[in-house]
Amino acid sequence: METPSRKKYFNFTSEYLKIPIVLATKLDVPFIDNIEAIKNKKVGITKGELKITGKLDKIWALGIAVRNDDINLLNILEKVIKSIDTKKEQEILNTWISIKYEKAIDYSLLWRILIAVTFLILLFIYIQYSLKKANKNLQIAVDNKTKDLQKLNNTLESKIKEEVKKNLEIQEKLFKSEKMASMGEMI
């Protein structure tokens, strides 16, 4: 990449590759969207698999550096770079750089939804339990009242039979006394 200090000693061809500056971290680190997210944190080289977790606003614009005194080589390399089409440029880039881009996944919304659904399920289970308990209590009360009504019905039937029997006896006595009274008038 062309810098003021390198420009003192080298001439640079046109840019043949523009690569964004990215942050590479271990696989378990979430997406980093700006440089402020890693402020005051240690930055270094790690071993093992890495993934791109953030993209910065800067871009590396790469060209080929040639010593200041070799203009012919610079012109040749410039022609070569100008002859590369975008398809060939992408092939070269894919050959040397393998990038698997992962979008950041925000699990906080998923956890909120999961907690809300769990709460609703528990609430539903509690309401069902309360309703079953209330139904059971109501069924017991209905059964008790039914037994009481059956006892009352049975006692009412026997009382009615007794009263009917008493009425019949009184009617029979009345009939006999009327009969006697009419016989007494006839005599």
N, C-alpha and C. Protein backbone atom coordinates (compact mmCIF):
# COMPACT_ATOMS: atom_id res chain seq x y z
N MET A 1 0.84 -1.16 0.00
CA MET A 1 0.00 0.00 0.00
C MET A 1 0.89 1.23 0.00
N GLU A 2 0.48 2.21 -0.76
CA GLU A 2 1.28 3.43 -0.89
C GLU A 2 1.14 4.28 0.36
N THR A 3 2.29 4.67 0.92
CA THR A 3 2.33 5.57 2.08
C THR A 3 3.35 6.67 1.77
N PRO A 4 3.30 7.81 2.46
CA PRO A 4 4.28 8.88 2.19
C PRO A 4 5.72 8.43 2.40
N SER A 5 5.98 7.60 3.41
CA SER A 5 7.36 7.16 3.65
C SER A 5 7.84 6.21 2.54
N ARG A 6 6.95 5.37 2.04
CA ARG A 6 7.33 4.44 0.97
C ARG A 6 7.49 5.16 -0.37
N LYS A 7 6.76 6.25 -0.53
CA LYS A 7 6.78 7.00 -1.80
C LYS A 7 8.16 7.62 -2.05
N LYS A 8 8.94 7.81 -0.99
CA LYS A 8 10.30 8.36 -1.14
C LYS A 8 11.21 7.43 -1.94
N TYR A 9 10.98 6.11 -1.79
CA TYR A 9 11.88 5.14 -2.40
C TYR A 9 11.25 4.34 -3.53
N PHE A 10 9.92 4.34 -3.60
CA PHE A 10 9.23 3.49 -4.58
C PHE A 10 8.24 4.30 -5.41
N ASN A 11 8.01 3.79 -6.61
CA ASN A 11 6.89 4.24 -7.43
C ASN A 11 5.84 3.12 -7.37
N PHE A 12 4.56 3.49 -7.39
CA PHE A 12 3.49 2.51 -7.25
C PHE A 12 2.63 2.47 -8.49
N THR A 13 2.20 1.26 -8.86
CA THR A 13 1.27 1.11 -9.98
C THR A 13 -0.12 1.52 -9.50
N SER A 14 -1.07 1.48 -10.43
CA SER A 14 -2.47 1.72 -10.04
C SER A 14 -2.90 0.62 -9.08
N GLU A 15 -3.95 0.91 -8.33
CA GLU A 15 -4.45 -0.07 -7.37
C GLU A 15 -5.04 -1.26 -8.13
N TYR A 16 -4.62 -2.43 -7.77
CA TYR A 16 -5.18 -3.63 -8.41
C TYR A 16 -6.08 -4.41 -7.47
N LEU A 17 -6.05 -4.04 -6.22
CA LEU A 17 -6.84 -4.75 -5.24
C LEU A 17 -7.25 -3.80 -4.13
N LYS A 18 -8.54 -3.78 -3.82
CA LYS A 18 -9.04 -2.96 -2.71
C LYS A 18 -9.68 -3.91 -1.70
N ILE A 19 -9.08 -3.96 -0.53
CA ILE A 19 -9.53 -4.90 0.50
C ILE A 19 -9.96 -4.10 1.73
N PRO A 20 -11.16 -4.36 2.24
CA PRO A 20 -11.57 -3.65 3.46
C PRO A 20 -10.77 -4.14 4.66
N ILE A 21 -10.53 -3.25 5.57
CA ILE A 21 -9.85 -3.63 6.81
C ILE A 21 -10.91 -4.21 7.73
N VAL A 22 -10.63 -5.42 8.21
CA VAL A 22 -11.60 -6.14 9.03
C VAL A 22 -10.96 -6.58 10.34
N LEU A 23 -11.80 -6.99 11.26
CA LEU A 23 -11.34 -7.54 12.53
C LEU A 23 -11.55 -9.04 12.49
N ALA A 24 -10.50 -9.79 12.74
CA ALA A 24 -10.60 -11.25 12.78
C ALA A 24 -10.49 -11.67 14.25
N THR A 25 -11.42 -12.52 14.68
CA THR A 25 -11.44 -12.98 16.07
C THR A 25 -11.71 -14.48 16.10
N LYS A 26 -11.75 -15.01 17.29
CA LYS A 26 -12.12 -16.41 17.46
C LYS A 26 -13.58 -16.60 17.09
N LEU A 27 -13.99 -17.84 16.89
CA LEU A 27 -15.34 -18.14 16.41
C LEU A 27 -16.44 -17.74 17.38
N ASP A 28 -16.15 -17.68 18.67
CA ASP A 28 -17.21 -17.41 19.65
C ASP A 28 -17.44 -15.93 19.93
N VAL A 29 -16.72 -15.03 19.28
CA VAL A 29 -16.88 -13.59 19.50
C VAL A 29 -17.98 -13.06 18.59
N PRO A 30 -18.92 -12.25 19.15
CA PRO A 30 -20.01 -11.71 18.32
C PRO A 30 -19.51 -10.63 17.35
N PHE A 31 -20.37 -10.22 16.44
CA PHE A 31 -20.05 -9.23 15.41
C PHE A 31 -19.68 -7.90 16.05
N ILE A 32 -18.65 -7.25 15.51
CA ILE A 32 -18.21 -5.94 15.98
C ILE A 32 -18.45 -4.95 14.85
N ASP A 33 -19.29 -3.94 15.10
CA ASP A 33 -19.67 -3.04 14.01
C ASP A 33 -18.86 -1.75 13.95
N ASN A 34 -18.08 -1.43 15.00
CA ASN A 34 -17.21 -0.25 14.93
C ASN A 34 -16.01 -0.44 15.84
N ILE A 35 -15.00 0.38 15.63
CA ILE A 35 -13.74 0.26 16.37
C ILE A 35 -13.92 0.58 17.85
N GLU A 36 -14.95 1.36 18.20
CA GLU A 36 -15.20 1.73 19.60
C GLU A 36 -15.55 0.50 20.45
N ALA A 37 -16.06 -0.54 19.83
CA ALA A 37 -16.45 -1.74 20.57
C ALA A 37 -15.25 -2.48 21.15
N ILE A 38 -14.06 -2.27 20.58
CA ILE A 38 -12.87 -2.97 21.11
C ILE A 38 -11.91 -2.00 21.78
N LYS A 39 -12.37 -0.79 22.05
CA LYS A 39 -11.54 0.20 22.73
C LYS A 39 -11.18 -0.34 24.11
N ASN A 40 -9.92 -0.15 24.51
CA ASN A 40 -9.38 -0.60 25.80
C ASN A 40 -9.37 -2.11 25.94
N LYS A 41 -9.34 -2.84 24.84
CA LYS A 41 -9.23 -4.30 24.89
C LYS A 41 -7.93 -4.71 24.21
N LYS A 42 -7.40 -5.85 24.60
CA LYS A 42 -6.17 -6.35 24.01
C LYS A 42 -6.43 -6.85 22.60
N VAL A 43 -5.52 -6.53 21.69
CA VAL A 43 -5.63 -6.96 20.31
C VAL A 43 -4.32 -7.67 19.97
N GLY A 44 -4.42 -8.83 19.33
CA GLY A 44 -3.22 -9.56 18.98
C GLY A 44 -3.54 -10.65 17.98
N ILE A 45 -2.58 -11.53 17.76
CA ILE A 45 -2.73 -12.63 16.81
C ILE A 45 -3.08 -13.88 17.62
N THR A 46 -4.07 -14.61 17.13
CA THR A 46 -4.50 -15.82 17.84
C THR A 46 -4.24 -17.04 16.98
N LYS A 47 -4.22 -18.21 17.63
CA LYS A 47 -4.07 -19.46 16.92
C LYS A 47 -5.44 -20.08 16.73
N GLY A 48 -5.57 -20.96 15.77
CA GLY A 48 -6.82 -21.67 15.56
C GLY A 48 -7.67 -20.98 14.50
N GLU A 49 -8.89 -21.46 14.39
CA GLU A 49 -9.79 -20.90 13.39
C GLU A 49 -10.21 -19.49 13.77
N LEU A 50 -10.29 -18.65 12.77
CA LEU A 50 -10.70 -17.27 12.97
C LEU A 50 -11.90 -16.97 12.10
N LYS A 51 -12.61 -15.93 12.48
CA LYS A 51 -13.70 -15.46 11.63
C LYS A 51 -13.65 -13.94 11.61
N ILE A 52 -14.21 -13.36 10.56
CA ILE A 52 -14.30 -11.90 10.46
C ILE A 52 -15.48 -11.47 11.32
N THR A 53 -15.20 -10.63 12.33
CA THR A 53 -16.28 -10.20 13.21
C THR A 53 -16.59 -8.71 13.08
N GLY A 54 -15.88 -8.01 12.26
CA GLY A 54 -16.17 -6.59 12.11
C GLY A 54 -15.49 -6.02 10.89
N LYS A 55 -16.10 -4.99 10.33
CA LYS A 55 -15.54 -4.32 9.16
C LYS A 55 -15.37 -2.86 9.52
N LEU A 56 -14.18 -2.33 9.27
CA LEU A 56 -13.90 -0.94 9.56
C LEU A 56 -14.13 -0.08 8.31
N ASP A 57 -14.13 1.21 8.50
CA ASP A 57 -14.40 2.12 7.38
C ASP A 57 -13.19 2.30 6.46
N LYS A 58 -12.05 1.83 6.82
CA LYS A 58 -10.83 1.97 6.01
C LYS A 58 -10.71 0.84 4.99
N ILE A 59 -9.99 1.14 3.90
CA ILE A 59 -9.77 0.14 2.84
C ILE A 59 -8.28 0.15 2.49
N TRP A 60 -7.75 -1.05 2.29
CA TRP A 60 -6.39 -1.16 1.77
C TRP A 60 -6.47 -1.12 0.25
N ALA A 61 -5.81 -0.13 -0.32
CA ALA A 61 -5.75 -0.03 -1.78
C ALA A 61 -4.34 -0.48 -2.16
N LEU A 62 -4.23 -1.69 -2.70
CA LEU A 62 -2.92 -2.29 -2.96
C LEU A 62 -2.50 -2.12 -4.41
N GLY A 63 -1.25 -1.76 -4.58
CA GLY A 63 -0.63 -1.69 -5.90
C GLY A 63 0.72 -2.40 -5.81
N ILE A 64 1.49 -2.34 -6.89
CA ILE A 64 2.80 -2.98 -6.88
C ILE A 64 3.85 -1.87 -6.77
N ALA A 65 4.80 -2.06 -5.86
CA ALA A 65 5.85 -1.07 -5.66
C ALA A 65 7.08 -1.45 -6.49
N VAL A 66 7.65 -0.45 -7.14
CA VAL A 66 8.88 -0.63 -7.95
C VAL A 66 9.86 0.46 -7.52
N ARG A 67 11.15 0.12 -7.49
CA ARG A 67 12.15 1.14 -7.12
C ARG A 67 12.00 2.38 -7.99
N ASN A 68 12.32 3.53 -7.42
CA ASN A 68 12.19 4.81 -8.13
C ASN A 68 12.96 4.85 -9.45
N ASP A 69 14.05 4.16 -9.53
CA ASP A 69 14.91 4.26 -10.71
C ASP A 69 14.52 3.29 -11.83
N ASP A 70 13.49 2.46 -11.66
CA ASP A 70 13.12 1.48 -12.68
C ASP A 70 11.75 1.83 -13.28
N ILE A 71 11.70 2.80 -14.15
CA ILE A 71 10.46 3.28 -14.77
C ILE A 71 9.92 2.25 -15.77
N ASN A 72 10.80 1.54 -16.49
CA ASN A 72 10.36 0.55 -17.47
C ASN A 72 9.54 -0.57 -16.81
N LEU A 73 10.04 -1.08 -15.71
CA LEU A 73 9.31 -2.13 -14.98
C LEU A 73 7.97 -1.60 -14.49
N LEU A 74 7.96 -0.37 -14.01
CA LEU A 74 6.72 0.25 -13.55
C LEU A 74 5.70 0.32 -14.67
N ASN A 75 6.12 0.72 -15.87
CA ASN A 75 5.21 0.82 -17.02
C ASN A 75 4.68 -0.55 -17.44
N ILE A 76 5.54 -1.55 -17.41
CA ILE A 76 5.11 -2.91 -17.78
C ILE A 76 4.06 -3.41 -16.79
N LEU A 77 4.35 -3.27 -15.50
CA LEU A 77 3.41 -3.73 -14.48
C LEU A 77 2.10 -2.95 -14.53
N GLU A 78 2.17 -1.67 -14.86
CA GLU A 78 0.96 -0.85 -14.99
C GLU A 78 0.09 -1.38 -16.11
N LYS A 79 0.69 -1.75 -17.26
CA LYS A 79 -0.07 -2.30 -18.38
C LYS A 79 -0.72 -3.63 -17.99
N VAL A 80 0.02 -4.46 -17.27
CA VAL A 80 -0.52 -5.74 -16.83
C VAL A 80 -1.74 -5.52 -15.92
N ILE A 81 -1.62 -4.61 -15.00
CA ILE A 81 -2.72 -4.34 -14.06
C ILE A 81 -3.93 -3.80 -14.80
N LYS A 82 -3.70 -2.91 -15.76
CA LYS A 82 -4.82 -2.35 -16.53
C LYS A 82 -5.51 -3.41 -17.39
N SER A 83 -4.80 -4.47 -17.76
CA SER A 83 -5.37 -5.50 -18.63
C SER A 83 -6.23 -6.52 -17.84
N ILE A 84 -6.14 -6.51 -16.53
CA ILE A 84 -6.91 -7.47 -15.72
C ILE A 84 -8.35 -6.97 -15.61
N ASP A 85 -9.31 -7.81 -16.05
CA ASP A 85 -10.73 -7.44 -15.92
C ASP A 85 -11.24 -7.80 -14.53
N THR A 86 -12.44 -7.35 -14.20
CA THR A 86 -12.97 -7.54 -12.85
C THR A 86 -13.20 -9.02 -12.52
N LYS A 87 -13.55 -9.81 -13.54
CA LYS A 87 -13.77 -11.25 -13.30
C LYS A 87 -12.46 -11.92 -12.90
N LYS A 88 -11.39 -11.61 -13.62
CA LYS A 88 -10.08 -12.19 -13.32
C LYS A 88 -9.59 -11.69 -11.95
N GLU A 89 -9.87 -10.41 -11.66
CA GLU A 89 -9.49 -9.84 -10.37
C GLU A 89 -10.18 -10.59 -9.24
N GLN A 90 -11.46 -10.92 -9.42
CA GLN A 90 -12.22 -11.66 -8.41
C GLN A 90 -11.67 -13.08 -8.26
N GLU A 91 -11.29 -13.72 -9.36
CA GLU A 91 -10.70 -15.06 -9.29
C GLU A 91 -9.41 -15.04 -8.48
N ILE A 92 -8.57 -14.04 -8.74
CA ILE A 92 -7.30 -13.92 -8.00
C ILE A 92 -7.59 -13.73 -6.51
N LEU A 93 -8.53 -12.86 -6.23
CA LEU A 93 -8.88 -12.58 -4.84
C LEU A 93 -9.41 -13.84 -4.16
N ASN A 94 -10.30 -14.58 -4.83
CA ASN A 94 -10.86 -15.81 -4.25
C ASN A 94 -9.80 -16.89 -4.04
N THR A 95 -8.80 -16.92 -4.90
CA THR A 95 -7.73 -17.91 -4.76
C THR A 95 -6.91 -17.67 -3.50
N TRP A 96 -6.66 -16.42 -3.19
CA TRP A 96 -5.77 -16.10 -2.09
C TRP A 96 -6.49 -15.78 -0.78
N ILE A 97 -7.71 -15.36 -0.88
CA ILE A 97 -8.44 -14.98 0.34
C ILE A 97 -9.77 -15.73 0.37
N SER A 98 -9.96 -16.53 1.38
CA SER A 98 -11.22 -17.25 1.55
C SER A 98 -11.98 -16.60 2.70
N ILE A 99 -13.10 -16.00 2.38
CA ILE A 99 -13.88 -15.31 3.41
C ILE A 99 -15.28 -15.92 3.46
N LYS A 100 -15.69 -16.26 4.64
CA LYS A 100 -17.07 -16.72 4.86
C LYS A 100 -17.71 -15.65 5.73
N TYR A 101 -18.62 -14.87 5.15
CA TYR A 101 -19.23 -13.74 5.84
C TYR A 101 -20.45 -14.22 6.62
N GLU A 102 -20.45 -13.96 7.92
CA GLU A 102 -21.57 -14.32 8.76
C GLU A 102 -22.21 -13.05 9.27
N LYS A 103 -23.50 -12.96 9.09
CA LYS A 103 -24.23 -11.82 9.64
C LYS A 103 -24.38 -12.01 11.13
N ALA A 104 -24.36 -10.90 11.83
CA ALA A 104 -24.53 -10.97 13.28
C ALA A 104 -25.97 -11.37 13.62
N ILE A 105 -26.10 -12.29 14.55
CA ILE A 105 -27.42 -12.75 14.97
C ILE A 105 -27.66 -12.21 16.38
N ASP A 106 -28.75 -11.50 16.54
CA ASP A 106 -29.09 -10.95 17.84
C ASP A 106 -30.04 -11.93 18.53
N TYR A 107 -29.49 -12.65 19.50
CA TYR A 107 -30.27 -13.66 20.20
C TYR A 107 -31.14 -13.07 21.31
N SER A 108 -30.95 -11.78 21.63
CA SER A 108 -31.72 -11.19 22.73
C SER A 108 -33.22 -11.21 22.43
N LEU A 109 -33.60 -10.92 21.20
CA LEU A 109 -35.02 -10.96 20.83
C LEU A 109 -35.55 -12.39 20.95
N LEU A 110 -34.76 -13.36 20.51
CA LEU A 110 -35.17 -14.76 20.62
C LEU A 110 -35.38 -15.14 22.08
N TRP A 111 -34.47 -14.72 22.96
CA TRP A 111 -34.61 -15.03 24.39
C TRP A 111 -35.84 -14.36 24.96
N ARG A 112 -36.12 -13.11 24.57
CA ARG A 112 -37.32 -12.43 25.07
C ARG A 112 -38.58 -13.17 24.64
N ILE A 113 -38.62 -13.57 23.39
CA ILE A 113 -39.79 -14.31 22.88
C ILE A 113 -39.92 -15.64 23.61
N LEU A 114 -38.81 -16.34 23.79
CA LEU A 114 -38.82 -17.62 24.49
C LEU A 114 -39.31 -17.47 25.93
N ILE A 115 -38.87 -16.43 26.62
CA ILE A 115 -39.31 -16.19 27.99
C ILE A 115 -40.80 -15.86 28.02
N ALA A 116 -41.25 -15.03 27.07
CA ALA A 116 -42.67 -14.67 27.02
C ALA A 116 -43.53 -15.91 26.75
N VAL A 117 -43.11 -16.74 25.81
CA VAL A 117 -43.87 -17.96 25.49
C VAL A 117 -43.89 -18.91 26.68
N THR A 118 -42.76 -19.05 27.35
CA THR A 118 -42.69 -19.91 28.54
C THR A 118 -43.63 -19.39 29.63
N PHE A 119 -43.62 -18.07 29.83
CA PHE A 119 -44.52 -17.47 30.82
C PHE A 119 -45.98 -17.75 30.46
N LEU A 120 -46.34 -17.58 29.19
CA LEU A 120 -47.72 -17.82 28.77
C LEU A 120 -48.11 -19.28 28.95
N ILE A 121 -47.20 -20.19 28.65
CA ILE A 121 -47.49 -21.63 28.83
C ILE A 121 -47.70 -21.94 30.30
N LEU A 122 -46.82 -21.40 31.16
CA LEU A 122 -46.98 -21.63 32.60
C LEU A 122 -48.28 -21.02 33.12
N LEU A 123 -48.64 -19.84 32.62
CA LEU A 123 -49.90 -19.22 33.01
C LEU A 123 -51.08 -20.08 32.57
N PHE A 124 -51.04 -20.60 31.36
CA PHE A 124 -52.09 -21.48 30.85
C PHE A 124 -52.21 -22.73 31.71
N ILE A 125 -51.08 -23.33 32.06
CA ILE A 125 -51.08 -24.54 32.90
C ILE A 125 -51.69 -24.22 34.27
N TYR A 126 -51.32 -23.08 34.85
CA TYR A 126 -51.86 -22.69 36.16
C TYR A 126 -53.38 -22.48 36.08
N ILE A 127 -53.85 -21.80 35.04
CA ILE A 127 -55.29 -21.57 34.88
C ILE A 127 -56.02 -22.90 34.71
N GLN A 128 -55.46 -23.81 33.92
CA GLN A 128 -56.06 -25.13 33.73
C GLN A 128 -56.15 -25.88 35.06
N TYR A 129 -55.07 -25.82 35.84
CA TYR A 129 -55.05 -26.48 37.15
C TYR A 129 -56.13 -25.89 38.06
N SER A 130 -56.23 -24.55 38.08
CA SER A 130 -57.24 -23.88 38.92
C SER A 130 -58.65 -24.27 38.49
N LEU A 131 -58.89 -24.31 37.18
CA LEU A 131 -60.21 -24.68 36.68
C LEU A 131 -60.56 -26.13 37.03
N LYS A 132 -59.60 -27.03 36.91
CA LYS A 132 -59.86 -28.43 37.27
C LYS A 132 -60.19 -28.56 38.75
N LYS A 133 -59.45 -27.82 39.57
CA LYS A 133 -59.69 -27.87 41.01
C LYS A 133 -61.07 -27.31 41.33
N ALA A 134 -61.44 -26.19 40.71
CA ALA A 134 -62.76 -25.59 40.94
C ALA A 134 -63.86 -26.53 40.46
N ASN A 135 -63.68 -27.16 39.30
CA ASN A 135 -64.65 -28.13 38.78
C ASN A 135 -64.83 -29.31 39.73
N LYS A 136 -63.73 -29.77 40.28
CA LYS A 136 -63.79 -30.91 41.21
C LYS A 136 -64.57 -30.51 42.46
N ASN A 137 -64.28 -29.30 42.99
CA ASN A 137 -65.01 -28.82 44.17
C ASN A 137 -66.50 -28.65 43.87
N LEU A 138 -66.82 -28.12 42.69
CA LEU A 138 -68.23 -27.96 42.30
C LEU A 138 -68.91 -29.31 42.15
N GLN A 139 -68.22 -30.28 41.59
CA GLN A 139 -68.79 -31.62 41.42
C GLN A 139 -69.09 -32.25 42.78
N ILE A 140 -68.18 -32.06 43.73
CA ILE A 140 -68.40 -32.59 45.08
C ILE A 140 -69.62 -31.92 45.71
N ALA A 141 -69.73 -30.59 45.55
CA ALA A 141 -70.87 -29.86 46.11
C ALA A 141 -72.19 -30.32 45.46
N VAL A 142 -72.17 -30.51 44.14
CA VAL A 142 -73.38 -30.98 43.43
C VAL A 142 -73.76 -32.38 43.91
N ASP A 143 -72.78 -33.26 44.07
CA ASP A 143 -73.04 -34.62 44.56
C ASP A 143 -73.65 -34.58 45.97
N ASN A 144 -73.11 -33.74 46.84
CA ASN A 144 -73.64 -33.63 48.20
C ASN A 144 -75.08 -33.12 48.18
N LYS A 145 -75.34 -32.11 47.39
CA LYS A 145 -76.71 -31.56 47.31
C LYS A 145 -77.68 -32.58 46.72
N THR A 146 -77.21 -33.35 45.76
CA THR A 146 -78.05 -34.39 45.15
C THR A 146 -78.42 -35.43 46.20
N LYS A 147 -77.46 -35.86 47.01
CA LYS A 147 -77.73 -36.84 48.07
C LYS A 147 -78.74 -36.27 49.07
N ASP A 148 -78.52 -35.00 49.45
CA ASP A 148 -79.45 -34.37 50.40
C ASP A 148 -80.87 -34.31 49.82
N LEU A 149 -80.97 -33.95 48.55
CA LEU A 149 -82.29 -33.88 47.90
C LEU A 149 -82.94 -35.26 47.80
N GLN A 150 -82.14 -36.29 47.54
CA GLN A 150 -82.69 -37.64 47.48
C GLN A 150 -83.21 -38.08 48.85
N LYS A 151 -82.47 -37.76 49.92
CA LYS A 151 -82.93 -38.08 51.28
C LYS A 151 -84.22 -37.34 51.58
N LEU A 152 -84.23 -36.04 51.24
CA LEU A 152 -85.43 -35.24 51.47
C LEU A 152 -86.61 -35.78 50.67
N ASN A 153 -86.36 -36.18 49.45
CA ASN A 153 -87.40 -36.74 48.59
C ASN A 153 -87.96 -38.02 49.21
N ASN A 154 -87.06 -38.89 49.68
CA ASN A 154 -87.49 -40.15 50.30
C ASN A 154 -88.31 -39.88 51.57
N THR A 155 -87.88 -38.96 52.40
CA THR A 155 -88.63 -38.66 53.62
C THR A 155 -89.96 -38.01 53.28
N LEU A 156 -89.98 -37.18 52.22
CA LEU A 156 -91.24 -36.57 51.81
C LEU A 156 -92.24 -37.62 51.33
N GLU A 157 -91.76 -38.60 50.62
CA GLU A 157 -92.67 -39.66 50.14
C GLU A 157 -93.28 -40.42 51.31
N SER A 158 -92.46 -40.74 52.29
CA SER A 158 -93.00 -41.48 53.44
C SER A 158 -93.96 -40.59 54.23
N LYS A 159 -93.66 -39.30 54.38
CA LYS A 159 -94.56 -38.39 55.09
C LYS A 159 -95.89 -38.24 54.34
N ILE A 160 -95.79 -38.14 53.01
CA ILE A 160 -97.01 -38.02 52.20
C ILE A 160 -97.86 -39.28 52.37
N LYS A 161 -97.23 -40.45 52.34
CA LYS A 161 -97.97 -41.71 52.51
C LYS A 161 -98.65 -41.73 53.88
N GLU A 162 -97.94 -41.28 54.91
CA GLU A 162 -98.52 -41.25 56.26
C GLU A 162 -99.71 -40.29 56.31
N GLU A 163 -99.55 -39.12 55.73
CA GLU A 163 -100.62 -38.12 55.75
C GLU A 163 -101.83 -38.60 54.95
N VAL A 164 -101.57 -39.25 53.82
CA VAL A 164 -102.68 -39.79 53.02
C VAL A 164 -103.41 -40.86 53.83
N LYS A 165 -102.65 -41.68 54.51
CA LYS A 165 -103.25 -42.74 55.34
C LYS A 165 -104.10 -42.13 56.45
N LYS A 166 -103.56 -41.06 57.11
CA LYS A 166 -104.30 -40.38 58.17
C LYS A 166 -105.58 -39.76 57.60
N ASN A 167 -105.46 -39.14 56.44
CA ASN A 167 -106.63 -38.52 55.79
C ASN A 167 -107.69 -39.57 55.49
N LEU A 168 -107.25 -40.71 54.98
CA LEU A 168 -108.21 -41.78 54.67
C LEU A 168 -108.89 -42.26 55.95
N GLU A 169 -108.13 -42.39 57.03
CA GLU A 169 -108.70 -42.84 58.29
C GLU A 169 -109.71 -41.81 58.81
N ILE A 170 -109.34 -40.52 58.69
CA ILE A 170 -110.26 -39.46 59.14
C ILE A 170 -111.51 -39.46 58.28
N GLN A 171 -111.34 -39.60 56.98
CA GLN A 171 -112.50 -39.64 56.08
C GLN A 171 -113.39 -40.83 56.41
N GLU A 172 -112.74 -41.95 56.69
CA GLU A 172 -113.52 -43.15 57.04
C GLU A 172 -114.29 -42.93 58.35
N LYS A 173 -113.64 -42.31 59.33
CA LYS A 173 -114.30 -42.01 60.61
C LYS A 173 -115.45 -41.04 60.37
N LEU A 174 -115.18 -40.02 59.54
CA LEU A 174 -116.22 -39.04 59.21
C LEU A 174 -117.41 -39.73 58.53
N PHE A 175 -117.08 -40.58 57.61
CA PHE A 175 -118.14 -41.30 56.89
C PHE A 175 -118.96 -42.14 57.86
N LYS A 176 -118.28 -42.82 58.79
CA LYS A 176 -118.96 -43.66 59.78
C LYS A 176 -119.81 -42.79 60.69
N SER A 177 -119.22 -41.65 61.14
CA SER A 177 -120.02 -40.79 62.04
C SER A 177 -121.20 -40.18 61.31
N GLU A 178 -121.10 -39.84 60.06
CA GLU A 178 -122.22 -39.33 59.28
C GLU A 178 -123.27 -40.43 59.10
N LYS A 179 -122.77 -41.59 58.88
CA LYS A 179 -123.67 -42.73 58.71
C LYS A 179 -124.44 -42.95 60.01
N MET A 180 -123.74 -42.86 61.14
CA MET A 180 -124.39 -43.07 62.42
C MET A 180 -125.39 -41.94 62.66
N ALA A 181 -124.98 -40.74 62.32
CA ALA A 181 -125.87 -39.60 62.54
C ALA A 181 -127.10 -39.75 61.66
N SER A 182 -126.97 -40.17 60.44
CA SER A 182 -128.15 -40.35 59.60
C SER A 182 -128.99 -41.51 60.11
N MET A 183 -128.40 -42.53 60.64
CA MET A 183 -129.18 -43.63 61.18
C MET A 183 -129.90 -43.16 62.47
N GLY A 184 -129.19 -42.30 63.21
CA GLY A 184 -129.82 -41.78 64.42
C GLY A 184 -130.99 -40.90 64.07
N GLU A 185 -131.00 -40.17 63.05
CA GLU A 185 -132.12 -39.33 62.64
C GLU A 185 -133.24 -40.20 62.11
N MET A 186 -132.88 -41.22 61.47
CA MET A 186 -133.92 -42.11 60.94
C MET A 186 -134.61 -42.83 62.11
N ILE A 187 -133.88 -43.19 63.10
CA ILE A 187 -134.47 -43.92 64.20
C ILE A 187 -135.32 -42.94 64.94
